Amino acid sequence: MIEVEIKARIKDIRAIKTQLDQLGAERIKTLKQVDKVLLHPDFLDHEGKVIEGGVVSRIRTVDGRHCFEMKEIRRKAGGIEIKSDVSSPEAVVAILEKLGFREEFTVRKQRTKYTYNGFTIALDDVDTLGHFIEIEKILDNKDSEESVMQACRELLEAITKDYEIEDQKYGDLIIEKMNEASKK
């Protein structure tokens, strides 16, 4: 499956929740996610960030349930994503380590999910990074990536004018913070 998404840094998460309610978006749930991220050195650049087209593996834990995910990183377009529930995250980590992946960092966030006209909207409060909105849609065969990306942008504009597009993944932002901290 190919997901197309846009992410933006936001300031006033409460105002955005109000706007989503006014638009008629359906609030699905609020949950805490903990993502253990494993990276392979072949997919990293000189700063330790995943290269375009590289692969990220993660174990996402929500409410005691674990899901293994592999994502192709395409920052400005849709990427392939494969997911499977797992009962033993430790076994998955051991397998990935045998394949050369290394556990690099953990992303902790509180996410409130909404749906609206076929889009999934997530409001994220990410530890150490701040507040974000993500708007995504799974690409069907009849839509082009460009048309779905444009629809994501238009929905973002309808929700808020006070945003800053963020092309980097949360992992990139965390790696930047780790690199900055190591220079001090």
N, C-alpha and C. Protein backbone atom coordinates (compact mmCIF):
# COMPACT_ATOMS: atom_id res chain seq x y z
N MET A 1 0.84 -1.17 0.00
CA MET A 1 0.00 0.00 0.00
C MET A 1 0.89 1.24 0.00
N ILE A 2 0.44 2.28 -0.66
CA ILE A 2 1.19 3.54 -0.70
C ILE A 2 0.38 4.59 0.01
N GLU A 3 1.00 5.22 1.03
CA GLU A 3 0.33 6.29 1.73
C GLU A 3 0.96 7.61 1.31
N VAL A 4 0.11 8.59 1.11
CA VAL A 4 0.56 9.93 0.78
C VAL A 4 0.23 10.79 1.99
N GLU A 5 1.22 11.54 2.47
CA GLU A 5 0.97 12.33 3.67
C GLU A 5 1.68 13.66 3.61
N ILE A 6 1.13 14.59 4.39
CA ILE A 6 1.76 15.89 4.57
C ILE A 6 1.81 16.11 6.08
N LYS A 7 2.90 16.71 6.54
CA LYS A 7 3.06 16.98 7.97
C LYS A 7 3.43 18.44 8.15
N ALA A 8 2.91 19.05 9.21
CA ALA A 8 3.22 20.44 9.50
C ALA A 8 3.36 20.64 11.00
N ARG A 9 4.25 21.52 11.34
CA ARG A 9 4.42 21.94 12.73
C ARG A 9 3.32 22.95 13.02
N ILE A 10 2.68 22.82 14.17
CA ILE A 10 1.59 23.72 14.55
C ILE A 10 1.83 24.30 15.94
N LYS A 11 1.15 25.41 16.22
CA LYS A 11 1.33 26.06 17.51
C LYS A 11 0.14 25.81 18.44
N ASP A 12 -1.07 26.01 17.92
CA ASP A 12 -2.26 25.98 18.77
C ASP A 12 -3.08 24.72 18.47
N ILE A 13 -2.77 23.65 19.16
CA ILE A 13 -3.42 22.37 18.91
C ILE A 13 -4.90 22.44 19.29
N ARG A 14 -5.25 23.23 20.32
CA ARG A 14 -6.66 23.35 20.73
C ARG A 14 -7.51 24.00 19.65
N ALA A 15 -6.98 25.04 19.01
CA ALA A 15 -7.71 25.72 17.94
C ALA A 15 -7.93 24.77 16.76
N ILE A 16 -6.96 23.92 16.51
CA ILE A 16 -7.09 22.96 15.39
C ILE A 16 -8.14 21.90 15.73
N LYS A 17 -8.17 21.45 16.98
CA LYS A 17 -9.21 20.49 17.38
C LYS A 17 -10.60 21.11 17.20
N THR A 18 -10.74 22.39 17.56
CA THR A 18 -12.01 23.09 17.38
C THR A 18 -12.37 23.16 15.90
N GLN A 19 -11.40 23.50 15.05
CA GLN A 19 -11.66 23.59 13.61
C GLN A 19 -12.04 22.24 13.03
N LEU A 20 -11.40 21.18 13.48
CA LEU A 20 -11.75 19.83 13.01
C LEU A 20 -13.20 19.49 13.38
N ASP A 21 -13.60 19.87 14.60
CA ASP A 21 -14.99 19.65 15.02
C ASP A 21 -15.95 20.44 14.12
N GLN A 22 -15.59 21.69 13.81
CA GLN A 22 -16.46 22.53 12.97
C GLN A 22 -16.55 21.98 11.54
N LEU A 23 -15.48 21.38 11.04
CA LEU A 23 -15.52 20.78 9.71
C LEU A 23 -16.34 19.50 9.67
N GLY A 24 -16.55 18.91 10.83
CA GLY A 24 -17.28 17.64 10.89
C GLY A 24 -16.38 16.42 10.86
N ALA A 25 -15.10 16.61 11.14
CA ALA A 25 -14.18 15.47 11.22
C ALA A 25 -14.59 14.59 12.40
N GLU A 26 -14.45 13.28 12.22
CA GLU A 26 -14.81 12.35 13.27
C GLU A 26 -13.58 11.99 14.09
N ARG A 27 -13.64 12.30 15.38
CA ARG A 27 -12.54 11.95 16.28
C ARG A 27 -12.62 10.46 16.56
N ILE A 28 -11.54 9.76 16.27
CA ILE A 28 -11.51 8.31 16.43
C ILE A 28 -11.02 7.92 17.82
N LYS A 29 -9.83 8.40 18.18
CA LYS A 29 -9.29 8.06 19.49
C LYS A 29 -8.03 8.87 19.77
N THR A 30 -7.67 8.89 21.04
CA THR A 30 -6.40 9.45 21.47
C THR A 30 -5.62 8.32 22.11
N LEU A 31 -4.36 8.21 21.70
CA LEU A 31 -3.54 7.13 22.24
C LEU A 31 -2.11 7.57 22.40
N LYS A 32 -1.41 6.82 23.23
CA LYS A 32 0.02 7.05 23.41
C LYS A 32 0.76 5.99 22.61
N GLN A 33 1.72 6.46 21.81
CA GLN A 33 2.51 5.55 20.99
C GLN A 33 3.97 5.65 21.40
N VAL A 34 4.61 4.50 21.46
CA VAL A 34 6.05 4.44 21.70
C VAL A 34 6.63 3.65 20.53
N ASP A 35 7.50 4.31 19.77
CA ASP A 35 8.12 3.69 18.59
C ASP A 35 9.60 3.47 18.86
N LYS A 36 9.99 2.20 18.87
CA LYS A 36 11.40 1.83 18.95
C LYS A 36 11.89 1.76 17.50
N VAL A 37 12.84 2.62 17.15
CA VAL A 37 13.26 2.75 15.76
C VAL A 37 14.62 2.09 15.55
N LEU A 38 14.67 1.24 14.51
CA LEU A 38 15.91 0.54 14.15
C LEU A 38 16.30 0.95 12.73
N LEU A 39 17.57 1.28 12.56
CA LEU A 39 18.07 1.76 11.27
C LEU A 39 19.21 0.86 10.79
N HIS A 40 19.37 0.81 9.48
CA HIS A 40 20.45 0.04 8.88
C HIS A 40 21.50 1.02 8.34
N PRO A 41 22.79 0.81 8.61
CA PRO A 41 23.82 1.75 8.18
C PRO A 41 23.85 1.98 6.66
N ASP A 42 23.43 1.00 5.87
CA ASP A 42 23.41 1.18 4.42
C ASP A 42 22.41 2.22 3.97
N PHE A 43 21.44 2.55 4.84
CA PHE A 43 20.40 3.51 4.49
C PHE A 43 20.58 4.86 5.17
N LEU A 44 21.77 5.11 5.73
CA LEU A 44 22.00 6.36 6.46
C LEU A 44 22.97 7.27 5.73
N ASP A 45 22.74 8.59 5.86
CA ASP A 45 23.69 9.55 5.29
C ASP A 45 24.75 9.90 6.33
N HIS A 46 25.60 10.87 6.02
CA HIS A 46 26.71 11.24 6.92
C HIS A 46 26.24 11.84 8.24
N GLU A 47 24.97 12.32 8.30
CA GLU A 47 24.43 12.87 9.55
C GLU A 47 23.67 11.82 10.37
N GLY A 48 23.57 10.60 9.83
CA GLY A 48 22.83 9.56 10.52
C GLY A 48 21.35 9.53 10.18
N LYS A 49 20.93 10.34 9.20
CA LYS A 49 19.53 10.36 8.76
C LYS A 49 19.33 9.33 7.66
N VAL A 50 18.11 8.83 7.57
CA VAL A 50 17.78 7.84 6.54
C VAL A 50 17.75 8.53 5.17
N ILE A 51 18.41 7.92 4.21
CA ILE A 51 18.46 8.48 2.86
C ILE A 51 17.10 8.29 2.17
N GLU A 52 16.86 9.14 1.17
CA GLU A 52 15.63 9.03 0.37
C GLU A 52 15.59 7.65 -0.27
N GLY A 53 14.47 6.95 -0.10
CA GLY A 53 14.33 5.60 -0.63
C GLY A 53 14.83 4.52 0.31
N GLY A 54 15.44 4.93 1.43
CA GLY A 54 15.91 3.96 2.42
C GLY A 54 14.75 3.38 3.22
N VAL A 55 15.08 2.46 4.11
CA VAL A 55 14.05 1.75 4.87
C VAL A 55 14.27 1.98 6.37
N VAL A 56 13.17 2.21 7.06
CA VAL A 56 13.17 2.33 8.51
C VAL A 56 12.33 1.19 9.07
N SER A 57 12.82 0.57 10.13
CA SER A 57 12.04 -0.46 10.84
C SER A 57 11.70 0.09 12.21
N ARG A 58 10.49 -0.24 12.65
CA ARG A 58 10.13 0.19 14.00
C ARG A 58 9.17 -0.82 14.61
N ILE A 59 9.20 -0.83 15.93
CA ILE A 59 8.24 -1.58 16.72
C ILE A 59 7.40 -0.52 17.42
N ARG A 60 6.13 -0.45 17.06
CA ARG A 60 5.22 0.52 17.67
C ARG A 60 4.41 -0.19 18.74
N THR A 61 4.42 0.39 19.95
CA THR A 61 3.66 -0.16 21.06
C THR A 61 2.55 0.83 21.44
N VAL A 62 1.33 0.30 21.45
CA VAL A 62 0.15 1.08 21.84
C VAL A 62 -0.71 0.18 22.71
N ASP A 63 -0.98 0.63 23.93
CA ASP A 63 -1.84 -0.13 24.84
C ASP A 63 -1.40 -1.59 24.99
N GLY A 64 -0.10 -1.81 25.09
CA GLY A 64 0.43 -3.15 25.31
C GLY A 64 0.47 -4.03 24.06
N ARG A 65 0.01 -3.52 22.93
CA ARG A 65 0.06 -4.27 21.66
C ARG A 65 1.24 -3.77 20.85
N HIS A 66 1.87 -4.68 20.13
CA HIS A 66 3.07 -4.35 19.37
C HIS A 66 2.83 -4.61 17.88
N CYS A 67 3.33 -3.68 17.08
CA CYS A 67 3.22 -3.81 15.63
C CYS A 67 4.59 -3.54 15.02
N PHE A 68 5.05 -4.46 14.18
CA PHE A 68 6.29 -4.28 13.44
C PHE A 68 5.96 -3.58 12.14
N GLU A 69 6.73 -2.53 11.82
CA GLU A 69 6.50 -1.78 10.59
C GLU A 69 7.83 -1.54 9.88
N MET A 70 7.79 -1.67 8.57
CA MET A 70 8.92 -1.26 7.72
C MET A 70 8.37 -0.23 6.76
N LYS A 71 9.08 0.90 6.67
CA LYS A 71 8.62 1.99 5.81
C LYS A 71 9.74 2.41 4.87
N GLU A 72 9.38 2.60 3.62
CA GLU A 72 10.28 3.22 2.66
C GLU A 72 10.18 4.72 2.88
N ILE A 73 11.32 5.39 3.04
CA ILE A 73 11.31 6.81 3.30
C ILE A 73 11.31 7.60 2.00
N ARG A 74 10.22 8.30 1.79
CA ARG A 74 10.08 9.23 0.67
C ARG A 74 9.45 10.47 1.28
N ARG A 75 10.25 11.48 1.52
CA ARG A 75 9.82 12.63 2.30
C ARG A 75 8.77 13.50 1.61
N LYS A 76 8.77 13.54 0.31
CA LYS A 76 7.83 14.43 -0.38
C LYS A 76 6.84 13.67 -1.23
N ALA A 77 6.74 12.38 -1.03
CA ALA A 77 5.80 11.56 -1.82
C ALA A 77 5.41 10.35 -0.97
N GLY A 78 4.56 9.52 -1.52
CA GLY A 78 4.13 8.32 -0.81
C GLY A 78 5.23 7.27 -0.81
N GLY A 79 5.23 6.45 0.20
CA GLY A 79 6.20 5.36 0.29
C GLY A 79 5.52 4.06 0.68
N ILE A 80 6.17 2.97 0.38
CA ILE A 80 5.63 1.65 0.72
C ILE A 80 5.74 1.44 2.22
N GLU A 81 4.68 0.88 2.80
CA GLU A 81 4.66 0.60 4.23
C GLU A 81 4.11 -0.81 4.43
N ILE A 82 4.82 -1.61 5.23
CA ILE A 82 4.40 -2.98 5.53
C ILE A 82 4.28 -3.09 7.05
N LYS A 83 3.17 -3.65 7.52
CA LYS A 83 2.91 -3.76 8.96
C LYS A 83 2.45 -5.15 9.31
N SER A 84 2.78 -5.55 10.55
CA SER A 84 2.26 -6.81 11.07
C SER A 84 2.29 -6.78 12.59
N ASP A 85 1.20 -7.19 13.21
CA ASP A 85 1.20 -7.32 14.67
C ASP A 85 2.19 -8.41 15.06
N VAL A 86 2.85 -8.20 16.19
CA VAL A 86 3.81 -9.18 16.68
C VAL A 86 3.58 -9.43 18.17
N SER A 87 3.82 -10.64 18.60
CA SER A 87 3.65 -10.97 20.02
C SER A 87 4.96 -10.82 20.78
N SER A 88 6.09 -10.87 20.06
CA SER A 88 7.39 -10.78 20.72
C SER A 88 8.26 -9.72 20.05
N PRO A 89 8.16 -8.48 20.50
CA PRO A 89 9.00 -7.44 19.90
C PRO A 89 10.49 -7.73 20.07
N GLU A 90 10.85 -8.42 21.15
CA GLU A 90 12.25 -8.75 21.37
C GLU A 90 12.79 -9.66 20.27
N ALA A 91 11.97 -10.61 19.82
CA ALA A 91 12.39 -11.52 18.75
C ALA A 91 12.57 -10.75 17.44
N VAL A 92 11.67 -9.81 17.16
CA VAL A 92 11.79 -9.00 15.94
C VAL A 92 13.07 -8.17 15.99
N VAL A 93 13.36 -7.57 17.14
CA VAL A 93 14.59 -6.78 17.28
C VAL A 93 15.81 -7.67 17.05
N ALA A 94 15.79 -8.88 17.62
CA ALA A 94 16.93 -9.80 17.45
C ALA A 94 17.12 -10.17 15.97
N ILE A 95 16.04 -10.41 15.26
CA ILE A 95 16.12 -10.72 13.82
C ILE A 95 16.69 -9.53 13.05
N LEU A 96 16.16 -8.35 13.33
CA LEU A 96 16.63 -7.14 12.63
C LEU A 96 18.11 -6.88 12.92
N GLU A 97 18.53 -7.10 14.15
CA GLU A 97 19.94 -6.90 14.49
C GLU A 97 20.82 -7.89 13.72
N LYS A 98 20.35 -9.12 13.53
CA LYS A 98 21.10 -10.10 12.73
C LYS A 98 21.22 -9.64 11.27
N LEU A 99 20.23 -8.87 10.81
CA LEU A 99 20.24 -8.35 9.44
C LEU A 99 21.01 -7.03 9.32
N GLY A 100 21.58 -6.56 10.44
CA GLY A 100 22.41 -5.36 10.40
C GLY A 100 21.74 -4.09 10.88
N PHE A 101 20.46 -4.15 11.28
CA PHE A 101 19.78 -2.97 11.81
C PHE A 101 20.24 -2.74 13.25
N ARG A 102 20.24 -1.47 13.66
CA ARG A 102 20.60 -1.12 15.04
C ARG A 102 19.49 -0.26 15.63
N GLU A 103 19.21 -0.52 16.91
CA GLU A 103 18.24 0.33 17.61
C GLU A 103 18.89 1.69 17.83
N GLU A 104 18.25 2.75 17.32
CA GLU A 104 18.86 4.08 17.34
C GLU A 104 18.20 5.03 18.34
N PHE A 105 16.87 5.03 18.41
CA PHE A 105 16.18 5.96 19.30
C PHE A 105 14.73 5.52 19.47
N THR A 106 14.04 6.21 20.38
CA THR A 106 12.63 5.95 20.63
C THR A 106 11.86 7.25 20.46
N VAL A 107 10.71 7.17 19.79
CA VAL A 107 9.82 8.33 19.62
C VAL A 107 8.60 8.08 20.50
N ARG A 108 8.31 9.05 21.36
CA ARG A 108 7.14 8.96 22.23
C ARG A 108 6.19 10.10 21.86
N LYS A 109 4.92 9.75 21.64
CA LYS A 109 3.97 10.79 21.28
C LYS A 109 2.57 10.42 21.74
N GLN A 110 1.79 11.48 21.95
CA GLN A 110 0.36 11.31 22.14
C GLN A 110 -0.28 11.74 20.84
N ARG A 111 -1.11 10.87 20.28
CA ARG A 111 -1.72 11.11 18.97
C ARG A 111 -3.24 11.06 19.11
N THR A 112 -3.89 12.09 18.58
CA THR A 112 -5.34 12.10 18.46
C THR A 112 -5.67 11.95 16.99
N LYS A 113 -6.44 10.89 16.66
CA LYS A 113 -6.74 10.56 15.27
C LYS A 113 -8.17 10.96 14.92
N TYR A 114 -8.30 11.47 13.70
CA TYR A 114 -9.59 11.85 13.14
C TYR A 114 -9.69 11.25 11.74
N THR A 115 -10.92 11.14 11.25
CA THR A 115 -11.14 10.85 9.83
C THR A 115 -12.03 11.94 9.26
N TYR A 116 -11.80 12.20 7.98
CA TYR A 116 -12.60 13.23 7.29
C TYR A 116 -12.51 12.98 5.79
N ASN A 117 -13.62 12.68 5.18
CA ASN A 117 -13.71 12.51 3.72
C ASN A 117 -12.61 11.61 3.14
N GLY A 118 -12.34 10.49 3.79
CA GLY A 118 -11.35 9.54 3.28
C GLY A 118 -9.91 9.83 3.72
N PHE A 119 -9.72 10.90 4.46
CA PHE A 119 -8.39 11.25 4.97
C PHE A 119 -8.28 10.83 6.43
N THR A 120 -7.08 10.48 6.85
CA THR A 120 -6.76 10.30 8.26
C THR A 120 -5.98 11.53 8.70
N ILE A 121 -6.40 12.11 9.80
CA ILE A 121 -5.74 13.30 10.33
C ILE A 121 -5.25 12.95 11.72
N ALA A 122 -3.99 13.24 12.00
CA ALA A 122 -3.42 12.97 13.32
C ALA A 122 -2.87 14.26 13.90
N LEU A 123 -3.24 14.54 15.13
CA LEU A 123 -2.64 15.64 15.88
C LEU A 123 -1.69 15.00 16.87
N ASP A 124 -0.41 15.34 16.75
CA ASP A 124 0.63 14.71 17.54
C ASP A 124 1.29 15.69 18.50
N ASP A 125 1.47 15.24 19.74
CA ASP A 125 2.29 15.93 20.72
C ASP A 125 3.49 15.01 20.93
N VAL A 126 4.63 15.37 20.32
CA VAL A 126 5.80 14.51 20.29
C VAL A 126 6.81 14.99 21.33
N ASP A 127 7.21 14.08 22.23
CA ASP A 127 8.20 14.43 23.26
C ASP A 127 9.42 15.06 22.60
N THR A 128 9.87 16.14 23.15
CA THR A 128 11.06 16.93 22.78
C THR A 128 10.92 17.66 21.44
N LEU A 129 9.86 17.41 20.66
CA LEU A 129 9.74 18.05 19.34
C LEU A 129 8.59 19.04 19.23
N GLY A 130 7.50 18.84 19.98
CA GLY A 130 6.37 19.77 19.92
C GLY A 130 5.14 19.17 19.26
N HIS A 131 4.30 20.07 18.68
CA HIS A 131 3.00 19.70 18.12
C HIS A 131 3.03 19.69 16.60
N PHE A 132 2.34 18.69 16.04
CA PHE A 132 2.30 18.52 14.59
C PHE A 132 0.91 18.06 14.17
N ILE A 133 0.60 18.30 12.90
CA ILE A 133 -0.57 17.71 12.27
C ILE A 133 -0.08 16.91 11.08
N GLU A 134 -0.62 15.71 10.93
CA GLU A 134 -0.34 14.88 9.75
C GLU A 134 -1.67 14.59 9.07
N ILE A 135 -1.69 14.76 7.77
CA ILE A 135 -2.87 14.42 6.97
C ILE A 135 -2.41 13.40 5.95
N GLU A 136 -3.10 12.26 5.91
CA GLU A 136 -2.67 11.21 4.99
C GLU A 136 -3.86 10.52 4.34
N LYS A 137 -3.57 9.91 3.23
CA LYS A 137 -4.57 9.14 2.50
C LYS A 137 -3.85 8.00 1.81
N ILE A 138 -4.49 6.85 1.80
CA ILE A 138 -3.94 5.70 1.08
C ILE A 138 -4.31 5.88 -0.38
N LEU A 139 -3.34 5.72 -1.22
CA LEU A 139 -3.51 5.92 -2.66
C LEU A 139 -4.33 4.77 -3.25
N ASP A 140 -5.45 5.12 -3.95
CA ASP A 140 -6.13 4.07 -4.73
C ASP A 140 -5.58 4.11 -6.14
N ASN A 141 -5.87 3.09 -6.86
CA ASN A 141 -5.34 2.95 -8.22
C ASN A 141 -5.78 4.08 -9.14
N LYS A 142 -6.93 4.69 -8.86
CA LYS A 142 -7.44 5.72 -9.77
C LYS A 142 -6.85 7.10 -9.53
N ASP A 143 -6.23 7.33 -8.37
CA ASP A 143 -5.68 8.64 -8.04
C ASP A 143 -4.17 8.68 -8.26
N SER A 144 -3.66 9.84 -8.65
CA SER A 144 -2.22 10.01 -8.76
C SER A 144 -1.69 10.53 -7.42
N GLU A 145 -0.40 10.27 -7.15
CA GLU A 145 0.21 10.79 -5.92
C GLU A 145 0.10 12.30 -5.86
N GLU A 146 0.31 12.96 -7.00
CA GLU A 146 0.27 14.43 -7.04
C GLU A 146 -1.12 14.95 -6.68
N SER A 147 -2.17 14.33 -7.20
CA SER A 147 -3.52 14.82 -6.91
C SER A 147 -3.89 14.59 -5.44
N VAL A 148 -3.45 13.46 -4.88
CA VAL A 148 -3.73 13.19 -3.46
C VAL A 148 -2.92 14.14 -2.58
N MET A 149 -1.66 14.41 -2.94
CA MET A 149 -0.85 15.36 -2.17
C MET A 149 -1.49 16.75 -2.20
N GLN A 150 -1.98 17.17 -3.35
CA GLN A 150 -2.64 18.47 -3.46
C GLN A 150 -3.90 18.51 -2.59
N ALA A 151 -4.65 17.43 -2.57
CA ALA A 151 -5.84 17.36 -1.73
C ALA A 151 -5.46 17.44 -0.24
N CYS A 152 -4.34 16.82 0.14
CA CYS A 152 -3.85 16.92 1.52
C CYS A 152 -3.51 18.37 1.87
N ARG A 153 -2.83 19.06 0.95
CA ARG A 153 -2.48 20.47 1.18
C ARG A 153 -3.73 21.34 1.33
N GLU A 154 -4.72 21.10 0.47
CA GLU A 154 -5.96 21.89 0.53
C GLU A 154 -6.69 21.66 1.84
N LEU A 155 -6.71 20.41 2.31
CA LEU A 155 -7.35 20.13 3.60
C LEU A 155 -6.59 20.81 4.74
N LEU A 156 -5.27 20.78 4.70
CA LEU A 156 -4.47 21.47 5.72
C LEU A 156 -4.83 22.94 5.76
N GLU A 157 -4.92 23.58 4.60
CA GLU A 157 -5.30 25.01 4.52
C GLU A 157 -6.69 25.25 5.09
N ALA A 158 -7.60 24.31 4.88
CA ALA A 158 -8.96 24.46 5.41
C ALA A 158 -8.99 24.32 6.93
N ILE A 159 -8.03 23.59 7.47
CA ILE A 159 -7.97 23.35 8.92
C ILE A 159 -7.28 24.51 9.63
N THR A 160 -6.15 24.98 9.08
CA THR A 160 -5.38 26.04 9.73
C THR A 160 -4.52 26.78 8.72
N LYS A 161 -4.33 28.06 8.99
CA LYS A 161 -3.40 28.86 8.18
C LYS A 161 -2.07 29.03 8.92
N ASP A 162 -2.07 28.67 10.21
CA ASP A 162 -0.90 28.87 11.06
C ASP A 162 -0.13 27.56 11.19
N TYR A 163 0.71 27.29 10.20
CA TYR A 163 1.49 26.06 10.19
C TYR A 163 2.80 26.28 9.45
N GLU A 164 3.70 25.34 9.64
CA GLU A 164 4.97 25.32 8.91
C GLU A 164 5.16 23.88 8.42
N ILE A 165 5.19 23.71 7.10
CA ILE A 165 5.37 22.36 6.53
C ILE A 165 6.67 21.77 7.06
N GLU A 166 6.60 20.51 7.43
CA GLU A 166 7.78 19.79 7.92
C GLU A 166 8.00 18.58 7.03
N ASP A 167 9.02 18.64 6.18
CA ASP A 167 9.32 17.54 5.27
C ASP A 167 10.07 16.40 5.95
N GLN A 168 10.66 16.69 7.09
CA GLN A 168 11.44 15.66 7.76
C GLN A 168 10.54 14.75 8.59
N LYS A 169 10.94 13.51 8.70
CA LYS A 169 10.26 12.56 9.57
C LYS A 169 10.65 12.87 11.02
N TYR A 170 9.84 12.38 11.97
CA TYR A 170 10.16 12.60 13.38
C TYR A 170 11.56 12.06 13.69
N GLY A 171 11.90 10.95 13.10
CA GLY A 171 13.24 10.38 13.32
C GLY A 171 14.34 11.33 12.89
N ASP A 172 14.17 11.99 11.72
CA ASP A 172 15.16 12.97 11.27
C ASP A 172 15.31 14.10 12.28
N LEU A 173 14.18 14.58 12.79
CA LEU A 173 14.20 15.69 13.75
C LEU A 173 14.87 15.27 15.05
N ILE A 174 14.61 14.05 15.49
CA ILE A 174 15.25 13.55 16.71
C ILE A 174 16.76 13.38 16.49
N ILE A 175 17.15 12.85 15.33
CA ILE A 175 18.58 12.70 15.03
C ILE A 175 19.26 14.07 15.01
N GLU A 176 18.61 15.08 14.43
CA GLU A 176 19.17 16.44 14.45
C GLU A 176 19.40 16.90 15.88
N LYS A 177 18.40 16.68 16.74
CA LYS A 177 18.55 17.09 18.14
C LYS A 177 19.69 16.34 18.82
N MET A 178 19.80 15.02 18.53
CA MET A 178 20.88 14.23 19.12
C MET A 178 22.24 14.74 18.61
N ASN A 179 22.33 15.07 17.32
CA ASN A 179 23.58 15.59 16.75
C ASN A 179 23.96 16.93 17.37
N GLU A 180 22.96 17.81 17.55
CA GLU A 180 23.20 19.11 18.18
C GLU A 180 23.69 18.94 19.61
N ALA A 181 23.06 18.03 20.35
CA ALA A 181 23.42 17.80 21.74
C ALA A 181 24.84 17.24 21.84
N SER A 182 25.26 16.41 20.90
CA SER A 182 26.59 15.82 20.95
C SER A 182 27.68 16.84 20.63
N LYS A 183 27.31 17.94 19.96
CA LYS A 183 28.29 18.99 19.62
C LYS A 183 28.56 19.92 20.79
N LYS A 184 27.66 19.89 21.78
CA LYS A 184 27.80 20.81 22.93
C LYS A 184 28.77 20.31 23.94
